Amino acid sequence: MSPAGGGSGAVYRERLWAPVWLWLVASIIAGTLGLAFGVPLGLGAGIIAWVVPQALIVWVLVSAAATVVVAPGLRCTSRASLPVAAMGPVRPLDGDQAAALRGRDADARAFLLLRPWVSAAVRVDVADPRDPTPYWYISTRRAPELAAALEDARRTPPARSDGGGPDAAG
């Protein structure tokens, strides 16, 4: 598990960066564009034709690097969160199981945090009967650790915000 810093209470944190080979291929493509424009149009055009696509590639790959955090529920990037009370069973998925759940066994109502460069995943069933989402599919490079952190979060009662413990008079 990867502890989070800054007192956030996170017990697991993972950033799903694109692999190095994808950064290299994208940079080679941007360099090829710079060369293709620079040879006939001059050095200035070549630099612009390299810098603009390279900046766009960096922005896309950094934006696509989702963050998965467990504390005290499940948060994927800043857009979605699943409270512990709504979590059902959690299952780590290997590459084949994850591929099946992304494809032929997928449910269109499921929440999917997909990153094509990550083969493993975790399935978190949603236990809230009011929520039409049957499960969350979360891409992860460390499926067993994420599943263990989620199971620990499910078993640990949430801390009370009023300062009282479980036996506090209300």
N, C-alpha and C. Protein backbone atom coordinates (compact mmCIF):
# COMPACT_ATOMS: atom_id res chain seq x y z
N MET A 1 0.84 -1.18 0.00
CA MET A 1 0.00 0.00 0.00
C MET A 1 0.88 1.24 0.00
N SER A 2 0.36 2.25 -0.57
CA SER A 2 1.11 3.49 -0.67
C SER A 2 0.48 4.54 0.23
N PRO A 3 1.08 4.82 1.38
CA PRO A 3 0.48 5.82 2.25
C PRO A 3 0.56 7.19 1.61
N ALA A 4 -0.44 7.96 1.89
CA ALA A 4 -0.48 9.32 1.35
C ALA A 4 0.05 10.29 2.38
N GLY A 5 0.66 11.32 1.92
CA GLY A 5 1.19 12.31 2.83
C GLY A 5 0.20 13.43 3.07
N GLY A 6 0.60 14.34 3.92
CA GLY A 6 -0.19 15.53 4.15
C GLY A 6 -1.36 15.36 5.08
N GLY A 7 -1.43 14.24 5.84
CA GLY A 7 -2.50 14.08 6.80
C GLY A 7 -3.87 13.92 6.18
N SER A 8 -3.95 13.46 4.94
CA SER A 8 -5.24 13.34 4.27
C SER A 8 -6.03 12.14 4.75
N GLY A 9 -5.39 11.24 5.49
CA GLY A 9 -6.07 10.06 5.97
C GLY A 9 -6.12 8.95 4.92
N ALA A 10 -5.47 9.15 3.79
CA ALA A 10 -5.47 8.16 2.73
C ALA A 10 -4.63 6.96 3.14
N VAL A 11 -5.14 5.78 2.89
CA VAL A 11 -4.39 4.56 3.17
C VAL A 11 -3.84 3.96 1.89
N TYR A 12 -4.29 4.44 0.75
CA TYR A 12 -3.82 3.96 -0.54
C TYR A 12 -3.91 5.11 -1.53
N ARG A 13 -2.87 5.28 -2.32
CA ARG A 13 -2.86 6.30 -3.38
C ARG A 13 -2.05 5.76 -4.54
N GLU A 14 -2.60 5.90 -5.74
CA GLU A 14 -1.90 5.44 -6.94
C GLU A 14 -2.20 6.41 -8.07
N ARG A 15 -1.18 6.76 -8.80
CA ARG A 15 -1.34 7.61 -9.99
C ARG A 15 -1.08 6.73 -11.21
N LEU A 16 -2.02 6.69 -12.12
CA LEU A 16 -1.95 5.81 -13.28
C LEU A 16 -1.31 6.54 -14.47
N TRP A 17 0.00 6.74 -14.38
CA TRP A 17 0.74 7.42 -15.44
C TRP A 17 0.83 6.53 -16.67
N ALA A 18 0.89 7.16 -17.82
CA ALA A 18 1.14 6.44 -19.07
C ALA A 18 2.54 5.84 -19.02
N PRO A 19 2.74 4.70 -19.66
CA PRO A 19 4.08 4.09 -19.63
C PRO A 19 5.09 4.90 -20.44
N VAL A 20 6.35 4.67 -20.16
CA VAL A 20 7.44 5.41 -20.80
C VAL A 20 7.39 5.24 -22.32
N TRP A 21 7.10 4.03 -22.79
CA TRP A 21 7.09 3.80 -24.24
C TRP A 21 6.06 4.70 -24.94
N LEU A 22 4.93 4.99 -24.29
CA LEU A 22 3.92 5.84 -24.90
C LEU A 22 4.42 7.29 -24.98
N TRP A 23 5.11 7.75 -23.93
CA TRP A 23 5.70 9.08 -23.96
C TRP A 23 6.74 9.18 -25.09
N LEU A 24 7.55 8.13 -25.25
CA LEU A 24 8.58 8.14 -26.29
C LEU A 24 7.98 8.15 -27.69
N VAL A 25 7.00 7.30 -27.93
CA VAL A 25 6.35 7.26 -29.24
C VAL A 25 5.71 8.61 -29.56
N ALA A 26 5.01 9.18 -28.60
CA ALA A 26 4.38 10.48 -28.81
C ALA A 26 5.42 11.57 -29.10
N SER A 27 6.54 11.52 -28.41
CA SER A 27 7.61 12.51 -28.65
C SER A 27 8.24 12.32 -30.02
N ILE A 28 8.40 11.09 -30.46
CA ILE A 28 8.95 10.83 -31.79
C ILE A 28 8.01 11.36 -32.87
N ILE A 29 6.71 11.19 -32.66
CA ILE A 29 5.73 11.72 -33.61
C ILE A 29 5.82 13.25 -33.67
N ALA A 30 5.91 13.89 -32.51
CA ALA A 30 6.04 15.35 -32.49
C ALA A 30 7.34 15.79 -33.16
N GLY A 31 8.42 15.08 -32.92
CA GLY A 31 9.69 15.39 -33.56
C GLY A 31 9.63 15.23 -35.07
N THR A 32 8.91 14.20 -35.52
CA THR A 32 8.74 13.99 -36.96
C THR A 32 7.98 15.15 -37.58
N LEU A 33 6.95 15.64 -36.89
CA LEU A 33 6.22 16.81 -37.39
C LEU A 33 7.13 18.03 -37.49
N GLY A 34 7.95 18.23 -36.47
CA GLY A 34 8.89 19.35 -36.50
C GLY A 34 9.85 19.25 -37.67
N LEU A 35 10.35 18.05 -37.93
CA LEU A 35 11.26 17.83 -39.05
C LEU A 35 10.55 18.03 -40.38
N ALA A 36 9.33 17.51 -40.47
CA ALA A 36 8.58 17.61 -41.73
C ALA A 36 8.26 19.07 -42.09
N PHE A 37 8.03 19.91 -41.09
CA PHE A 37 7.77 21.32 -41.36
C PHE A 37 9.07 22.13 -41.42
N GLY A 38 10.05 21.73 -40.64
CA GLY A 38 11.29 22.49 -40.56
C GLY A 38 12.15 22.41 -41.80
N VAL A 39 12.19 21.27 -42.45
CA VAL A 39 13.04 21.14 -43.63
C VAL A 39 12.57 22.06 -44.76
N PRO A 40 11.29 22.04 -45.16
CA PRO A 40 10.91 22.93 -46.26
C PRO A 40 10.67 24.38 -45.84
N LEU A 41 10.25 24.62 -44.57
CA LEU A 41 9.84 25.97 -44.16
C LEU A 41 10.84 26.70 -43.28
N GLY A 42 11.87 26.03 -42.81
CA GLY A 42 12.88 26.69 -41.99
C GLY A 42 12.83 26.26 -40.53
N LEU A 43 13.88 26.65 -39.83
CA LEU A 43 14.06 26.25 -38.44
C LEU A 43 12.93 26.73 -37.53
N GLY A 44 12.50 27.97 -37.69
CA GLY A 44 11.43 28.53 -36.85
C GLY A 44 10.13 27.73 -36.97
N ALA A 45 9.74 27.42 -38.21
CA ALA A 45 8.52 26.64 -38.43
C ALA A 45 8.68 25.24 -37.86
N GLY A 46 9.88 24.68 -37.99
CA GLY A 46 10.13 23.34 -37.45
C GLY A 46 10.03 23.30 -35.94
N ILE A 47 10.57 24.31 -35.29
CA ILE A 47 10.49 24.37 -33.83
C ILE A 47 9.04 24.52 -33.37
N ILE A 48 8.30 25.40 -34.03
CA ILE A 48 6.88 25.58 -33.68
C ILE A 48 6.11 24.28 -33.93
N ALA A 49 6.39 23.63 -35.05
CA ALA A 49 5.69 22.38 -35.39
C ALA A 49 6.08 21.23 -34.47
N TRP A 50 7.19 21.37 -33.73
CA TRP A 50 7.55 20.36 -32.75
C TRP A 50 7.02 20.72 -31.37
N VAL A 51 7.17 22.00 -30.97
CA VAL A 51 6.80 22.42 -29.61
C VAL A 51 5.30 22.33 -29.37
N VAL A 52 4.49 22.77 -30.32
CA VAL A 52 3.03 22.77 -30.12
C VAL A 52 2.48 21.36 -29.94
N PRO A 53 2.79 20.41 -30.86
CA PRO A 53 2.29 19.05 -30.63
C PRO A 53 2.88 18.41 -29.37
N GLN A 54 4.16 18.69 -29.09
CA GLN A 54 4.77 18.12 -27.89
C GLN A 54 4.07 18.62 -26.63
N ALA A 55 3.75 19.90 -26.57
CA ALA A 55 3.03 20.45 -25.42
C ALA A 55 1.64 19.84 -25.30
N LEU A 56 0.97 19.67 -26.42
CA LEU A 56 -0.35 19.04 -26.42
C LEU A 56 -0.28 17.59 -25.93
N ILE A 57 0.73 16.87 -26.38
CA ILE A 57 0.92 15.48 -25.95
C ILE A 57 1.17 15.41 -24.44
N VAL A 58 2.03 16.26 -23.93
CA VAL A 58 2.31 16.28 -22.49
C VAL A 58 1.04 16.59 -21.72
N TRP A 59 0.27 17.57 -22.17
CA TRP A 59 -0.97 17.93 -21.50
C TRP A 59 -1.95 16.76 -21.49
N VAL A 60 -2.11 16.08 -22.62
CA VAL A 60 -3.04 14.94 -22.71
C VAL A 60 -2.60 13.81 -21.79
N LEU A 61 -1.32 13.46 -21.82
CA LEU A 61 -0.85 12.33 -21.00
C LEU A 61 -0.87 12.65 -19.51
N VAL A 62 -0.59 13.88 -19.13
CA VAL A 62 -0.68 14.25 -17.72
C VAL A 62 -2.15 14.26 -17.28
N SER A 63 -3.03 14.78 -18.12
CA SER A 63 -4.46 14.81 -17.80
C SER A 63 -5.05 13.40 -17.71
N ALA A 64 -4.53 12.48 -18.50
CA ALA A 64 -5.05 11.12 -18.52
C ALA A 64 -4.55 10.27 -17.35
N ALA A 65 -3.60 10.78 -16.59
CA ALA A 65 -3.04 10.04 -15.46
C ALA A 65 -3.98 10.17 -14.26
N ALA A 66 -4.93 9.28 -14.17
CA ALA A 66 -5.93 9.32 -13.10
C ALA A 66 -5.29 8.99 -11.75
N THR A 67 -5.90 9.50 -10.69
CA THR A 67 -5.46 9.20 -9.33
C THR A 67 -6.55 8.38 -8.65
N VAL A 68 -6.13 7.30 -8.00
CA VAL A 68 -7.04 6.45 -7.23
C VAL A 68 -6.63 6.59 -5.77
N VAL A 69 -7.59 6.96 -4.91
CA VAL A 69 -7.31 7.19 -3.49
C VAL A 69 -8.35 6.45 -2.66
N VAL A 70 -7.90 5.78 -1.62
CA VAL A 70 -8.80 5.16 -0.65
C VAL A 70 -8.62 5.90 0.66
N ALA A 71 -9.64 6.68 1.07
CA ALA A 71 -9.61 7.42 2.32
C ALA A 71 -10.85 8.27 2.50
N PRO A 72 -11.74 7.98 3.34
CA PRO A 72 -12.14 6.69 3.88
C PRO A 72 -13.03 5.92 2.91
N GLY A 73 -13.34 6.50 1.78
CA GLY A 73 -14.04 5.80 0.71
C GLY A 73 -13.10 5.65 -0.47
N LEU A 74 -13.67 5.49 -1.66
CA LEU A 74 -12.89 5.35 -2.87
C LEU A 74 -13.08 6.61 -3.70
N ARG A 75 -11.99 7.24 -4.09
CA ARG A 75 -12.06 8.43 -4.94
C ARG A 75 -11.19 8.19 -6.16
N CYS A 76 -11.78 8.43 -7.32
CA CYS A 76 -11.06 8.30 -8.58
C CYS A 76 -10.98 9.67 -9.21
N THR A 77 -9.79 10.16 -9.37
CA THR A 77 -9.51 11.53 -9.80
C THR A 77 -10.29 12.47 -8.89
N SER A 78 -10.73 13.59 -9.38
CA SER A 78 -11.51 14.49 -8.53
C SER A 78 -12.97 14.46 -8.92
N ARG A 79 -13.33 13.58 -9.84
CA ARG A 79 -14.67 13.59 -10.39
C ARG A 79 -15.64 12.62 -9.75
N ALA A 80 -15.17 11.57 -9.15
CA ALA A 80 -16.08 10.54 -8.66
C ALA A 80 -15.59 9.99 -7.33
N SER A 81 -16.53 9.70 -6.45
CA SER A 81 -16.18 9.06 -5.18
C SER A 81 -17.30 8.10 -4.79
N LEU A 82 -16.91 7.06 -4.10
CA LEU A 82 -17.84 6.05 -3.62
C LEU A 82 -17.64 5.92 -2.12
N PRO A 83 -18.66 6.29 -1.31
CA PRO A 83 -18.51 6.18 0.14
C PRO A 83 -18.41 4.72 0.58
N VAL A 84 -17.78 4.52 1.71
CA VAL A 84 -17.62 3.17 2.24
C VAL A 84 -18.96 2.48 2.43
N ALA A 85 -19.96 3.22 2.87
CA ALA A 85 -21.29 2.63 3.12
C ALA A 85 -21.92 2.08 1.85
N ALA A 86 -21.51 2.56 0.70
CA ALA A 86 -22.09 2.10 -0.56
C ALA A 86 -21.28 0.98 -1.21
N MET A 87 -20.16 0.60 -0.59
CA MET A 87 -19.31 -0.44 -1.16
C MET A 87 -19.81 -1.82 -0.81
N GLY A 88 -19.86 -2.67 -1.83
CA GLY A 88 -20.15 -4.08 -1.64
C GLY A 88 -18.85 -4.87 -1.71
N PRO A 89 -18.94 -6.12 -2.11
CA PRO A 89 -17.72 -6.94 -2.24
C PRO A 89 -16.72 -6.34 -3.22
N VAL A 90 -15.45 -6.58 -2.94
CA VAL A 90 -14.34 -6.07 -3.75
C VAL A 90 -13.56 -7.27 -4.27
N ARG A 91 -13.25 -7.24 -5.58
CA ARG A 91 -12.48 -8.34 -6.18
C ARG A 91 -11.35 -7.79 -7.03
N PRO A 92 -10.11 -8.23 -6.76
CA PRO A 92 -9.02 -7.87 -7.67
C PRO A 92 -9.16 -8.71 -8.94
N LEU A 93 -8.85 -8.12 -10.08
CA LEU A 93 -8.97 -8.80 -11.37
C LEU A 93 -7.61 -8.85 -12.04
N ASP A 94 -7.25 -10.05 -12.54
CA ASP A 94 -6.01 -10.14 -13.31
C ASP A 94 -6.28 -9.66 -14.73
N GLY A 95 -5.30 -9.73 -15.59
CA GLY A 95 -5.42 -9.21 -16.95
C GLY A 95 -6.57 -9.80 -17.73
N ASP A 96 -6.75 -11.13 -17.68
CA ASP A 96 -7.83 -11.79 -18.44
C ASP A 96 -9.20 -11.44 -17.88
N GLN A 97 -9.33 -11.46 -16.57
CA GLN A 97 -10.62 -11.12 -15.95
C GLN A 97 -10.99 -9.66 -16.23
N ALA A 98 -9.99 -8.79 -16.15
CA ALA A 98 -10.23 -7.37 -16.42
C ALA A 98 -10.63 -7.16 -17.88
N ALA A 99 -9.97 -7.85 -18.80
CA ALA A 99 -10.31 -7.72 -20.22
C ALA A 99 -11.75 -8.18 -20.47
N ALA A 100 -12.17 -9.26 -19.82
CA ALA A 100 -13.55 -9.73 -19.99
C ALA A 100 -14.54 -8.72 -19.45
N LEU A 101 -14.22 -8.10 -18.32
CA LEU A 101 -15.14 -7.12 -17.72
C LEU A 101 -15.16 -5.80 -18.50
N ARG A 102 -14.08 -5.52 -19.22
CA ARG A 102 -14.06 -4.35 -20.11
C ARG A 102 -14.80 -4.63 -21.41
N GLY A 103 -14.96 -5.90 -21.75
CA GLY A 103 -15.53 -6.28 -23.03
C GLY A 103 -16.84 -7.02 -22.92
N ARG A 104 -16.79 -8.32 -23.14
CA ARG A 104 -18.02 -9.11 -23.27
C ARG A 104 -18.86 -9.17 -22.00
N ASP A 105 -18.27 -9.05 -20.84
CA ASP A 105 -19.01 -9.13 -19.57
C ASP A 105 -19.36 -7.76 -19.00
N ALA A 106 -19.11 -6.70 -19.74
CA ALA A 106 -19.32 -5.34 -19.22
C ALA A 106 -20.81 -5.03 -19.08
N ASP A 107 -21.10 -4.18 -18.11
CA ASP A 107 -22.46 -3.66 -17.91
C ASP A 107 -22.39 -2.17 -18.26
N ALA A 108 -23.27 -1.74 -19.13
CA ALA A 108 -23.26 -0.35 -19.60
C ALA A 108 -23.51 0.66 -18.47
N ARG A 109 -24.08 0.21 -17.36
CA ARG A 109 -24.39 1.12 -16.25
C ARG A 109 -23.23 1.27 -15.28
N ALA A 110 -22.17 0.49 -15.44
CA ALA A 110 -21.05 0.50 -14.51
C ALA A 110 -20.22 1.77 -14.65
N PHE A 111 -19.58 2.15 -13.54
CA PHE A 111 -18.62 3.25 -13.55
C PHE A 111 -17.27 2.64 -13.93
N LEU A 112 -16.64 3.18 -14.96
CA LEU A 112 -15.37 2.64 -15.44
C LEU A 112 -14.27 3.69 -15.38
N LEU A 113 -13.21 3.36 -14.67
CA LEU A 113 -11.99 4.16 -14.73
C LEU A 113 -11.02 3.31 -15.54
N LEU A 114 -11.03 3.51 -16.84
CA LEU A 114 -10.22 2.72 -17.76
C LEU A 114 -8.98 3.48 -18.18
N ARG A 115 -7.87 2.81 -18.14
CA ARG A 115 -6.65 3.33 -18.73
C ARG A 115 -6.11 2.19 -19.58
N PRO A 116 -6.02 2.37 -20.90
CA PRO A 116 -5.65 1.27 -21.78
C PRO A 116 -4.26 0.71 -21.53
N TRP A 117 -3.40 1.46 -20.89
CA TRP A 117 -2.05 0.99 -20.61
C TRP A 117 -1.94 0.22 -19.30
N VAL A 118 -3.07 0.01 -18.61
CA VAL A 118 -3.09 -0.74 -17.35
C VAL A 118 -3.96 -1.98 -17.55
N SER A 119 -3.38 -3.17 -17.39
CA SER A 119 -4.13 -4.39 -17.69
C SER A 119 -4.94 -4.92 -16.52
N ALA A 120 -4.50 -4.74 -15.30
CA ALA A 120 -5.22 -5.26 -14.14
C ALA A 120 -6.26 -4.25 -13.65
N ALA A 121 -7.16 -4.72 -12.79
CA ALA A 121 -8.21 -3.83 -12.28
C ALA A 121 -8.78 -4.40 -10.99
N VAL A 122 -9.66 -3.61 -10.39
CA VAL A 122 -10.43 -4.03 -9.22
C VAL A 122 -11.89 -3.77 -9.52
N ARG A 123 -12.74 -4.72 -9.15
CA ARG A 123 -14.18 -4.53 -9.27
C ARG A 123 -14.73 -4.30 -7.87
N VAL A 124 -15.48 -3.20 -7.72
CA VAL A 124 -16.12 -2.88 -6.45
C VAL A 124 -17.62 -2.86 -6.70
N ASP A 125 -18.33 -3.83 -6.15
CA ASP A 125 -19.78 -3.86 -6.30
C ASP A 125 -20.39 -2.73 -5.48
N VAL A 126 -21.46 -2.16 -6.01
CA VAL A 126 -22.15 -1.07 -5.31
C VAL A 126 -23.33 -1.67 -4.55
N ALA A 127 -23.34 -1.44 -3.23
CA ALA A 127 -24.35 -2.05 -2.36
C ALA A 127 -25.55 -1.15 -2.12
N ASP A 128 -25.54 0.07 -2.60
CA ASP A 128 -26.65 1.00 -2.39
C ASP A 128 -27.77 0.67 -3.37
N PRO A 129 -28.95 0.24 -2.88
CA PRO A 129 -30.03 -0.14 -3.79
C PRO A 129 -30.61 1.04 -4.58
N ARG A 130 -30.35 2.26 -4.13
CA ARG A 130 -30.84 3.44 -4.85
C ARG A 130 -29.92 3.84 -6.00
N ASP A 131 -28.72 3.30 -6.02
CA ASP A 131 -27.75 3.64 -7.05
C ASP A 131 -27.88 2.66 -8.22
N PRO A 132 -28.14 3.15 -9.42
CA PRO A 132 -28.29 2.24 -10.56
C PRO A 132 -26.97 1.66 -11.06
N THR A 133 -25.85 2.14 -10.53
CA THR A 133 -24.54 1.63 -10.94
C THR A 133 -24.29 0.28 -10.27
N PRO A 134 -24.12 -0.80 -11.04
CA PRO A 134 -23.93 -2.11 -10.42
C PRO A 134 -22.54 -2.31 -9.80
N TYR A 135 -21.53 -1.72 -10.42
CA TYR A 135 -20.16 -1.87 -9.90
C TYR A 135 -19.28 -0.77 -10.45
N TRP A 136 -18.11 -0.62 -9.80
CA TRP A 136 -17.06 0.26 -10.28
C TRP A 136 -15.93 -0.63 -10.78
N TYR A 137 -15.43 -0.32 -11.95
CA TYR A 137 -14.26 -0.98 -12.53
C TYR A 137 -13.13 0.03 -12.45
N ILE A 138 -12.08 -0.29 -11.70
CA ILE A 138 -10.97 0.65 -11.48
C ILE A 138 -9.68 0.03 -12.00
N SER A 139 -9.10 0.63 -13.03
CA SER A 139 -7.79 0.19 -13.51
C SER A 139 -6.76 0.46 -12.43
N THR A 140 -5.85 -0.49 -12.23
CA THR A 140 -4.80 -0.34 -11.23
C THR A 140 -3.63 -1.25 -11.58
N ARG A 141 -2.45 -0.82 -11.25
CA ARG A 141 -1.27 -1.67 -11.45
C ARG A 141 -1.06 -2.58 -10.24
N ARG A 142 -1.74 -2.29 -9.14
CA ARG A 142 -1.56 -3.06 -7.90
C ARG A 142 -2.92 -3.53 -7.37
N ALA A 143 -3.55 -4.40 -8.14
CA ALA A 143 -4.91 -4.85 -7.80
C ALA A 143 -5.02 -5.47 -6.40
N PRO A 144 -4.13 -6.37 -6.00
CA PRO A 144 -4.27 -6.95 -4.65
C PRO A 144 -4.18 -5.90 -3.54
N GLU A 145 -3.27 -4.93 -3.68
CA GLU A 145 -3.11 -3.90 -2.65
C GLU A 145 -4.33 -2.98 -2.60
N LEU A 146 -4.85 -2.59 -3.76
CA LEU A 146 -6.04 -1.73 -3.79
C LEU A 146 -7.24 -2.47 -3.20
N ALA A 147 -7.42 -3.73 -3.57
CA ALA A 147 -8.53 -4.51 -3.03
C ALA A 147 -8.42 -4.64 -1.52
N ALA A 148 -7.21 -4.89 -1.01
CA ALA A 148 -7.01 -5.01 0.44
C ALA A 148 -7.32 -3.69 1.14
N ALA A 149 -6.89 -2.57 0.56
CA ALA A 149 -7.17 -1.26 1.16
C ALA A 149 -8.67 -0.98 1.18
N LEU A 150 -9.37 -1.35 0.12
CA LEU A 150 -10.82 -1.15 0.08
C LEU A 150 -11.54 -2.05 1.08
N GLU A 151 -11.10 -3.28 1.19
CA GLU A 151 -11.71 -4.19 2.19
C GLU A 151 -11.46 -3.68 3.60
N ASP A 152 -10.26 -3.17 3.88
CA ASP A 152 -9.97 -2.59 5.19
C ASP A 152 -10.88 -1.39 5.46
N ALA A 153 -11.07 -0.56 4.43
CA ALA A 153 -11.94 0.61 4.59
C ALA A 153 -13.38 0.19 4.86
N ARG A 154 -13.83 -0.89 4.23
CA ARG A 154 -15.19 -1.38 4.45
C ARG A 154 -15.37 -1.90 5.87
N ARG A 155 -14.34 -2.53 6.41
CA ARG A 155 -14.43 -3.13 7.76
C ARG A 155 -14.24 -2.12 8.87
N THR A 156 -13.59 -1.00 8.57
CA THR A 156 -13.31 0.01 9.58
C THR A 156 -14.47 0.99 9.65
N PRO A 157 -15.09 1.15 10.82
CA PRO A 157 -16.19 2.12 10.91
C PRO A 157 -15.68 3.53 10.67
N PRO A 158 -16.48 4.35 10.00
CA PRO A 158 -16.04 5.73 9.75
C PRO A 158 -15.93 6.53 11.05
N ALA A 159 -14.96 7.44 11.07
CA ALA A 159 -14.77 8.30 12.24
C ALA A 159 -15.90 9.31 12.30
N ARG A 160 -16.32 9.60 13.51
CA ARG A 160 -17.40 10.59 13.69
C ARG A 160 -16.82 11.98 13.63
N SER A 161 -17.53 12.89 12.99
CA SER A 161 -17.03 14.26 12.85
C SER A 161 -17.38 15.13 14.05
N ASP A 162 -18.24 14.64 14.98
CA ASP A 162 -18.64 15.47 16.12
C ASP A 162 -17.71 15.30 17.31
N GLY A 163 -16.65 14.47 17.14
CA GLY A 163 -15.67 14.31 18.21
C GLY A 163 -16.02 13.21 19.17
N GLY A 164 -17.23 12.67 19.11
CA GLY A 164 -17.63 11.60 20.00
C GLY A 164 -17.28 10.25 19.45
N GLY A 165 -17.03 9.33 20.31
CA GLY A 165 -16.75 7.96 19.90
C GLY A 165 -18.05 7.18 19.77
N PRO A 166 -17.92 5.86 19.59
CA PRO A 166 -19.11 5.04 19.43
C PRO A 166 -19.99 5.01 20.67
N ASP A 167 -19.40 5.28 21.85
CA ASP A 167 -20.19 5.25 23.08
C ASP A 167 -20.60 6.63 23.56
N ALA A 168 -20.35 7.65 22.76
CA ALA A 168 -20.67 9.02 23.16
C ALA A 168 -22.17 9.23 23.24
N ALA A 169 -22.58 9.95 24.25
CA ALA A 169 -24.03 10.23 24.40
C ALA A 169 -24.44 11.23 23.33
N GLY A 170 -25.61 10.98 22.78
CA GLY A 170 -25.99 11.84 21.69
C GLY A 170 -27.17 12.59 22.02
